[in-house]
Amino acid sequence: MPTRYRQTSFQVTESTELMTFLFSQFPEQGRNSVKSLLAHRQVSVDGEVVTQYNHPLNIGQKVSVQRGKVRKESQPGRLEILFEDPYLIVIAKEAGLLSISTAQEKEQTAYSMLSAHVKKEDPKNRIFIVHRLDRETSGVMLFAKSEKVKERLQNDWKGAVQERSYIAIVEGLVTQPEGTITSWLKESKTLTMHSSPTPNGGQKAVTHYRVLKKTKNHSMLEVHLETGRKNQIRVHMQDIGHRIIGDKKYGSIQNPIRRLGLHAQVLAFRHPITGEILRFEAAIPKEFQKLFHP
């Protein structure tokens, strides 16, 4: 069986210590049980693993708890299977790995790796891509095991998705603590997306962001998508004058981590067959964190 995660997240509504907060969320568990969650690195605050029971929490922070045993077993290279059942596969892919091959590029992809994975059980098995991540974006992706399940998800994508958030590292100091960017995106003949504040025959795109950390040189943003257009976050960060680091395509001049500073952190959705709400979270990459904790 593949590695399986069960993530539960809570919003902090009043200042307290982590242990006290966990007791309030899991009143049925004893002190040793809650301590075990911390000792086994199953608790994170705003995407960072925390093991100290007296870690201070502030209003607005997000505490995530990974429950159940995590089994590390053989995984396809360059991606990790987070969840698999007869209908779906959820993965965390690394930066630099294509989601699926294109007419121009036929190299190894997340799709080809997972296709080989399911065919080990039965050569007739197939997988279907539900949504894509840019090659240089890391994080959570969803695949279906049948065309019927893929279509059910895609036809009600907005209704199925409960939460979809990214972590973006951008150039410069973002002074506004949070904001919303709305524009219309249209693709050029050179496959670059162009943004217009008024309708331009393209697709409407809405992006919400919140500043998590900042230095004078960089800002870490939590980004929520209201729409899912091609290169949406990358273009919208360009719109506000804070391009994603490493994003040469949209004008970035900084690349301190030698990759694109964009990570698909959370995907939560309603299972198209069982109706269960599933939530998956890929930890913020260490190279992102190092920019703010030298």
Protein backbone atom coordinates (compact mmCIF):
# COMPACT_ATOMS: atom_id res chain seq x y z
CA MET A 1 0.00 0.00 0.00
CA PRO A 2 1.23 3.54 -0.68
CA THR A 3 1.94 6.16 1.95
CA ARG A 4 -1.34 7.63 3.24
CA TYR A 5 -1.86 10.95 4.98
CA ARG A 6 -4.82 12.23 6.94
CA GLN A 7 -4.41 15.92 7.54
CA THR A 8 -6.65 18.01 9.77
CA SER A 9 -6.17 21.76 10.04
CA PHE A 10 -7.41 24.31 12.56
CA GLN A 11 -7.39 28.11 12.64
CA VAL A 12 -6.09 29.74 15.83
CA THR A 13 -8.74 32.12 17.24
CA GLU A 14 -6.98 33.22 20.42
CA SER A 15 -3.37 33.43 21.59
CA THR A 16 -2.28 30.33 23.48
CA GLU A 17 0.40 27.62 23.64
CA LEU A 18 0.44 24.73 21.20
CA MET A 19 -0.16 21.98 23.80
CA THR A 20 -3.18 23.79 25.23
CA PHE A 21 -4.53 24.33 21.72
CA LEU A 22 -4.15 20.65 20.81
CA PHE A 23 -5.96 19.58 23.99
CA SER A 24 -8.88 21.85 23.05
CA GLN A 25 -9.08 20.29 19.56
CA PHE A 26 -8.64 16.68 20.71
CA PRO A 27 -10.32 16.51 24.14
CA GLU A 28 -10.69 12.74 23.86
CA GLN A 29 -6.91 12.21 23.75
CA GLY A 30 -4.67 12.00 26.79
CA ARG A 31 -1.58 14.09 27.47
CA ASN A 32 0.82 11.35 26.34
CA SER A 33 -1.10 10.88 23.10
CA VAL A 34 -0.89 14.59 22.25
CA LYS A 35 2.81 14.65 23.21
CA SER A 36 3.33 11.73 20.84
CA LEU A 37 1.94 13.78 17.93
CA LEU A 38 4.59 16.42 18.64
CA ALA A 39 7.41 13.91 19.17
CA HIS A 40 6.65 12.19 15.87
CA ARG A 41 6.66 15.50 13.98
CA GLN A 42 2.98 15.23 13.08
CA VAL A 43 2.11 18.84 13.97
CA SER A 44 2.92 21.90 11.87
CA VAL A 45 2.19 25.60 12.33
CA ASP A 46 1.80 27.63 9.13
CA GLY A 47 3.49 24.81 7.21
CA GLU A 48 6.48 24.36 9.55
CA VAL A 49 6.84 21.25 11.74
CA VAL A 50 6.83 22.13 15.47
CA THR A 51 7.78 19.74 18.28
CA GLN A 52 7.82 22.10 21.30
CA TYR A 53 4.71 21.76 23.46
CA ASN A 54 4.93 25.38 24.66
CA HIS A 55 5.28 26.88 21.18
CA PRO A 56 3.30 30.19 21.23
CA LEU A 57 0.36 30.51 18.85
CA ASN A 58 -1.05 33.77 17.56
CA ILE A 59 -4.51 34.57 16.21
CA GLY A 60 -4.82 33.70 12.52
CA GLN A 61 -2.16 31.00 12.44
CA LYS A 62 -2.99 27.56 11.04
CA VAL A 63 -2.19 24.36 12.92
CA SER A 64 -2.14 21.13 10.88
CA VAL A 65 -2.12 17.66 12.43
CA GLN A 66 -1.21 14.53 10.54
CA ARG A 67 -2.96 11.60 12.15
CA GLY A 68 -2.43 7.90 11.75
CA LYS A 69 0.78 6.07 10.99
CA VAL A 70 2.67 7.15 7.92
CA ARG A 71 4.28 4.25 6.14
CA LYS A 72 7.29 4.99 3.97
CA GLU A 73 7.40 2.49 1.16
CA SER A 74 8.82 2.38 -2.35
CA GLN A 75 7.74 5.39 -4.34
CA PRO A 76 8.28 6.42 -7.96
CA GLY A 77 11.27 8.78 -8.19
CA ARG A 78 10.72 12.56 -8.13
CA LEU A 79 7.21 12.27 -6.72
CA GLU A 80 5.52 10.88 -3.64
CA ILE A 81 2.16 9.11 -3.58
CA LEU A 82 0.15 10.69 -0.78
CA PHE A 83 -3.08 8.75 -1.32
CA GLU A 84 -4.36 5.99 -3.54
CA ASP A 85 -7.66 4.14 -3.75
CA PRO A 86 -9.50 2.37 -6.60
CA TYR A 87 -10.54 5.75 -8.09
CA LEU A 88 -7.82 8.33 -7.42
CA ILE A 89 -4.12 8.96 -6.90
CA VAL A 90 -2.87 12.08 -5.12
CA ILE A 91 0.82 12.92 -5.37
CA ALA A 92 3.37 15.52 -4.33
CA LYS A 93 5.69 16.21 -7.26
CA GLU A 94 9.04 17.92 -7.12
CA ALA A 95 9.99 21.03 -9.08
CA GLY A 96 11.34 20.35 -12.57
CA LEU A 97 9.07 17.39 -13.29
CA LEU A 98 6.55 17.80 -16.11
CA SER A 99 2.95 16.90 -15.30
CA ILE A 100 2.36 15.33 -18.71
CA SER A 101 4.31 15.25 -21.96
CA THR A 102 3.70 17.78 -24.71
CA ALA A 103 4.16 17.62 -28.47
CA GLN A 104 7.57 19.22 -27.99
CA GLU A 105 8.70 17.29 -24.90
CA LYS A 106 8.53 13.53 -24.47
CA GLU A 107 10.67 13.11 -21.35
CA GLN A 108 9.67 11.31 -18.16
CA THR A 109 6.65 12.91 -16.51
CA ALA A 110 4.47 12.50 -13.45
CA TYR A 111 1.88 10.96 -15.76
CA SER A 112 4.29 8.37 -17.21
CA MET A 113 5.60 7.42 -13.74
CA LEU A 114 2.09 6.89 -12.36
CA SER A 115 1.02 5.04 -15.48
CA ALA A 116 3.88 2.58 -14.94
CA HIS A 117 2.94 2.36 -11.25
CA VAL A 118 -0.70 1.32 -11.87
CA LYS A 119 0.25 -1.07 -14.68
CA LYS A 120 2.33 -3.12 -12.24
CA GLU A 121 -0.95 -4.31 -10.74
CA ASP A 122 -2.70 -4.80 -14.08
CA PRO A 123 -1.30 -3.91 -17.54
CA LYS A 124 -4.76 -2.68 -18.53
CA ASN A 125 -4.85 -0.02 -15.79
CA ARG A 126 -4.74 3.61 -16.87
CA ILE A 127 -4.56 7.03 -15.24
CA PHE A 128 -6.02 10.39 -16.27
CA ILE A 129 -4.73 13.84 -15.37
CA VAL A 130 -7.32 16.01 -13.59
CA HIS A 131 -5.35 19.27 -13.33
CA ARG A 132 -1.79 20.35 -14.07
CA LEU A 133 1.08 22.08 -12.34
CA ASP A 134 3.74 23.96 -14.28
CA ARG A 135 6.98 22.00 -14.64
CA GLU A 136 8.84 24.21 -12.13
CA THR A 137 6.02 24.22 -9.57
CA SER A 138 6.19 21.58 -6.82
CA GLY A 139 3.37 20.22 -4.69
CA VAL A 140 0.05 18.40 -4.64
CA MET A 141 -1.55 17.01 -7.82
CA LEU A 142 -4.61 14.84 -8.42
CA PHE A 143 -5.03 12.02 -10.96
CA ALA A 144 -8.02 9.80 -11.71
CA LYS A 145 -7.96 6.08 -12.49
CA SER A 146 -10.81 6.20 -15.01
CA GLU A 147 -12.14 8.64 -17.57
CA LYS A 148 -15.50 8.67 -15.78
CA VAL A 149 -13.96 9.81 -12.48
CA LYS A 150 -11.80 12.39 -14.28
CA GLU A 151 -14.83 13.88 -16.03
CA ARG A 152 -16.88 13.90 -12.83
CA LEU A 153 -14.15 15.93 -11.11
CA GLN A 154 -13.49 18.28 -14.01
CA ASN A 155 -17.16 18.94 -14.72
CA ASP A 156 -17.69 20.10 -11.12
CA TRP A 157 -14.17 21.27 -10.29
CA LYS A 158 -15.32 24.44 -8.55
CA GLY A 159 -17.86 22.50 -6.48
CA ALA A 160 -15.50 19.62 -5.73
CA VAL A 161 -12.51 21.67 -4.58
CA GLN A 162 -12.88 22.83 -0.99
CA GLU A 163 -9.43 24.41 -0.61
CA ARG A 164 -6.56 25.04 -2.97
CA SER A 165 -3.60 27.05 -1.77
CA TYR A 166 -0.06 27.75 -2.85
CA ILE A 167 3.08 29.15 -1.29
CA ALA A 168 4.80 31.78 -3.42
CA ILE A 169 8.19 33.39 -2.77
CA VAL A 170 8.24 36.77 -4.48
CA GLU A 171 10.78 39.52 -5.05
CA GLY A 172 10.79 42.44 -2.66
CA LEU A 173 8.85 43.44 0.44
CA VAL A 174 5.07 43.11 0.03
CA THR A 175 3.76 45.83 2.35
CA GLN A 176 0.04 45.08 2.07
CA PRO A 177 -0.69 42.16 4.48
CA GLU A 178 -3.32 40.67 2.19
CA GLY A 179 -5.10 41.41 -1.05
CA THR A 180 -7.07 40.21 -4.06
CA ILE A 181 -5.99 40.50 -7.70
CA THR A 182 -8.59 40.36 -10.47
CA SER A 183 -7.83 40.54 -14.18
CA TRP A 184 -8.51 38.89 -17.53
CA LEU A 185 -5.83 36.57 -18.90
CA LYS A 186 -5.23 35.90 -22.57
CA GLU A 187 -2.52 33.74 -24.13
CA SER A 188 -0.26 35.16 -26.83
CA LYS A 189 1.18 33.33 -29.83
CA THR A 190 4.40 32.90 -27.82
CA LEU A 191 2.41 30.99 -25.11
CA THR A 192 2.81 33.83 -22.60
CA MET A 193 -0.24 34.91 -20.61
CA HIS A 194 -1.10 38.62 -20.72
CA SER A 195 -3.17 40.32 -18.02
CA SER A 196 -5.71 43.10 -18.50
CA PRO A 197 -7.66 44.94 -15.76
CA THR A 198 -10.66 45.01 -18.11
CA PRO A 199 -12.18 42.25 -20.29
CA ASN A 200 -9.90 41.55 -23.25
CA GLY A 201 -11.50 38.44 -24.71
CA GLY A 202 -9.57 36.31 -22.21
CA GLN A 203 -10.62 34.47 -19.06
CA LYS A 204 -11.38 36.18 -15.76
CA ALA A 205 -8.87 35.27 -13.05
CA VAL A 206 -9.12 35.97 -9.30
CA THR A 207 -6.23 35.42 -6.86
CA HIS A 208 -6.22 36.06 -3.09
CA TYR A 209 -2.97 36.36 -1.14
CA ARG A 210 -1.75 36.78 2.44
CA VAL A 211 1.78 37.61 3.58
CA LEU A 212 3.24 34.92 5.86
CA LYS A 213 6.86 36.07 6.19
CA LYS A 214 9.02 38.82 4.79
CA THR A 215 12.50 40.26 4.64
CA LYS A 216 13.68 43.35 2.81
CA ASN A 217 14.46 41.18 -0.23
CA HIS A 218 11.68 38.56 -0.33
CA SER A 219 8.15 37.86 0.82
CA MET A 220 6.45 34.49 1.41
CA LEU A 221 2.80 34.54 0.42
CA GLU A 222 -0.04 32.09 0.96
CA VAL A 223 -2.07 32.22 -2.24
CA HIS A 224 -5.63 30.99 -2.75
CA LEU A 225 -7.08 30.55 -6.22
CA GLU A 226 -10.68 31.45 -6.92
CA THR A 227 -10.10 30.49 -10.56
CA GLY A 228 -7.48 28.20 -12.05
CA ARG A 229 -6.08 29.79 -15.20
CA LYS A 230 -2.78 28.96 -16.87
CA ASN A 231 0.16 30.72 -15.13
CA GLN A 232 -2.40 32.67 -13.06
CA ILE A 233 -0.33 33.18 -9.92
CA ARG A 234 2.82 33.98 -11.88
CA VAL A 235 1.07 36.66 -13.96
CA HIS A 236 -0.78 38.16 -11.00
CA MET A 237 2.43 38.49 -8.99
CA GLN A 238 3.91 40.31 -11.97
CA ASP A 239 0.82 42.58 -11.93
CA ILE A 240 1.51 43.74 -8.37
CA GLY A 241 5.21 44.28 -9.04
CA HIS A 242 6.43 41.32 -6.98
CA ARG A 243 7.42 38.62 -9.44
CA ILE A 244 7.94 35.04 -8.26
CA ILE A 245 11.64 34.37 -7.80
CA GLY A 246 13.13 32.28 -10.58
CA ASP A 247 10.29 33.18 -12.95
CA LYS A 248 12.32 34.47 -15.89
CA LYS A 249 9.30 34.06 -18.20
CA TYR A 250 7.47 36.81 -16.31
CA GLY A 251 10.41 39.10 -15.65
CA SER A 252 12.04 37.85 -12.44
CA ILE A 253 15.68 38.84 -12.06
CA GLN A 254 16.33 36.89 -8.85
CA ASN A 255 16.84 33.14 -8.49
CA PRO A 256 18.47 32.50 -5.09
CA ILE A 257 17.07 28.95 -4.77
CA ARG A 258 17.68 27.86 -8.40
CA ARG A 259 14.05 26.99 -9.00
CA LEU A 260 10.68 28.68 -9.34
CA GLY A 261 9.43 29.93 -5.99
CA LEU A 262 5.97 28.38 -6.30
CA HIS A 263 4.61 25.38 -4.40
CA ALA A 264 1.11 23.82 -4.43
CA GLN A 265 0.78 23.32 -0.68
CA VAL A 266 -2.84 22.27 -0.08
CA LEU A 267 -5.55 20.54 -2.09
CA ALA A 268 -8.83 19.59 -0.42
CA PHE A 269 -11.72 18.17 -2.41
CA ARG A 270 -14.85 16.07 -2.19
CA HIS A 271 -14.23 12.50 -3.32
CA PRO A 272 -16.29 12.03 -6.52
CA ILE A 273 -17.42 8.53 -5.52
CA THR A 274 -17.52 8.36 -1.71
CA GLY A 275 -18.40 12.00 -1.05
CA GLU A 276 -15.71 12.18 1.66
CA ILE A 277 -13.75 15.43 2.03
CA LEU A 278 -10.06 14.64 1.53
CA ARG A 279 -7.31 17.13 2.35
CA PHE A 280 -3.66 16.84 1.38
CA GLU A 281 -0.76 19.07 2.26
CA ALA A 282 2.81 19.09 0.94
CA ALA A 283 5.26 20.71 3.35
CA ILE A 284 6.81 24.03 2.35
CA PRO A 285 10.14 23.23 0.63
CA LYS A 286 13.21 23.68 2.85
CA GLU A 287 14.84 25.97 0.30
CA PHE A 288 11.86 28.34 0.67
CA GLN A 289 12.23 28.38 4.46
CA LYS A 290 15.97 29.03 4.37
CA LEU A 291 15.42 32.42 2.76
CA PHE A 292 13.69 33.54 5.95
CA HIS A 293 15.81 31.59 8.49
CA PRO A 294 19.42 31.96 7.35
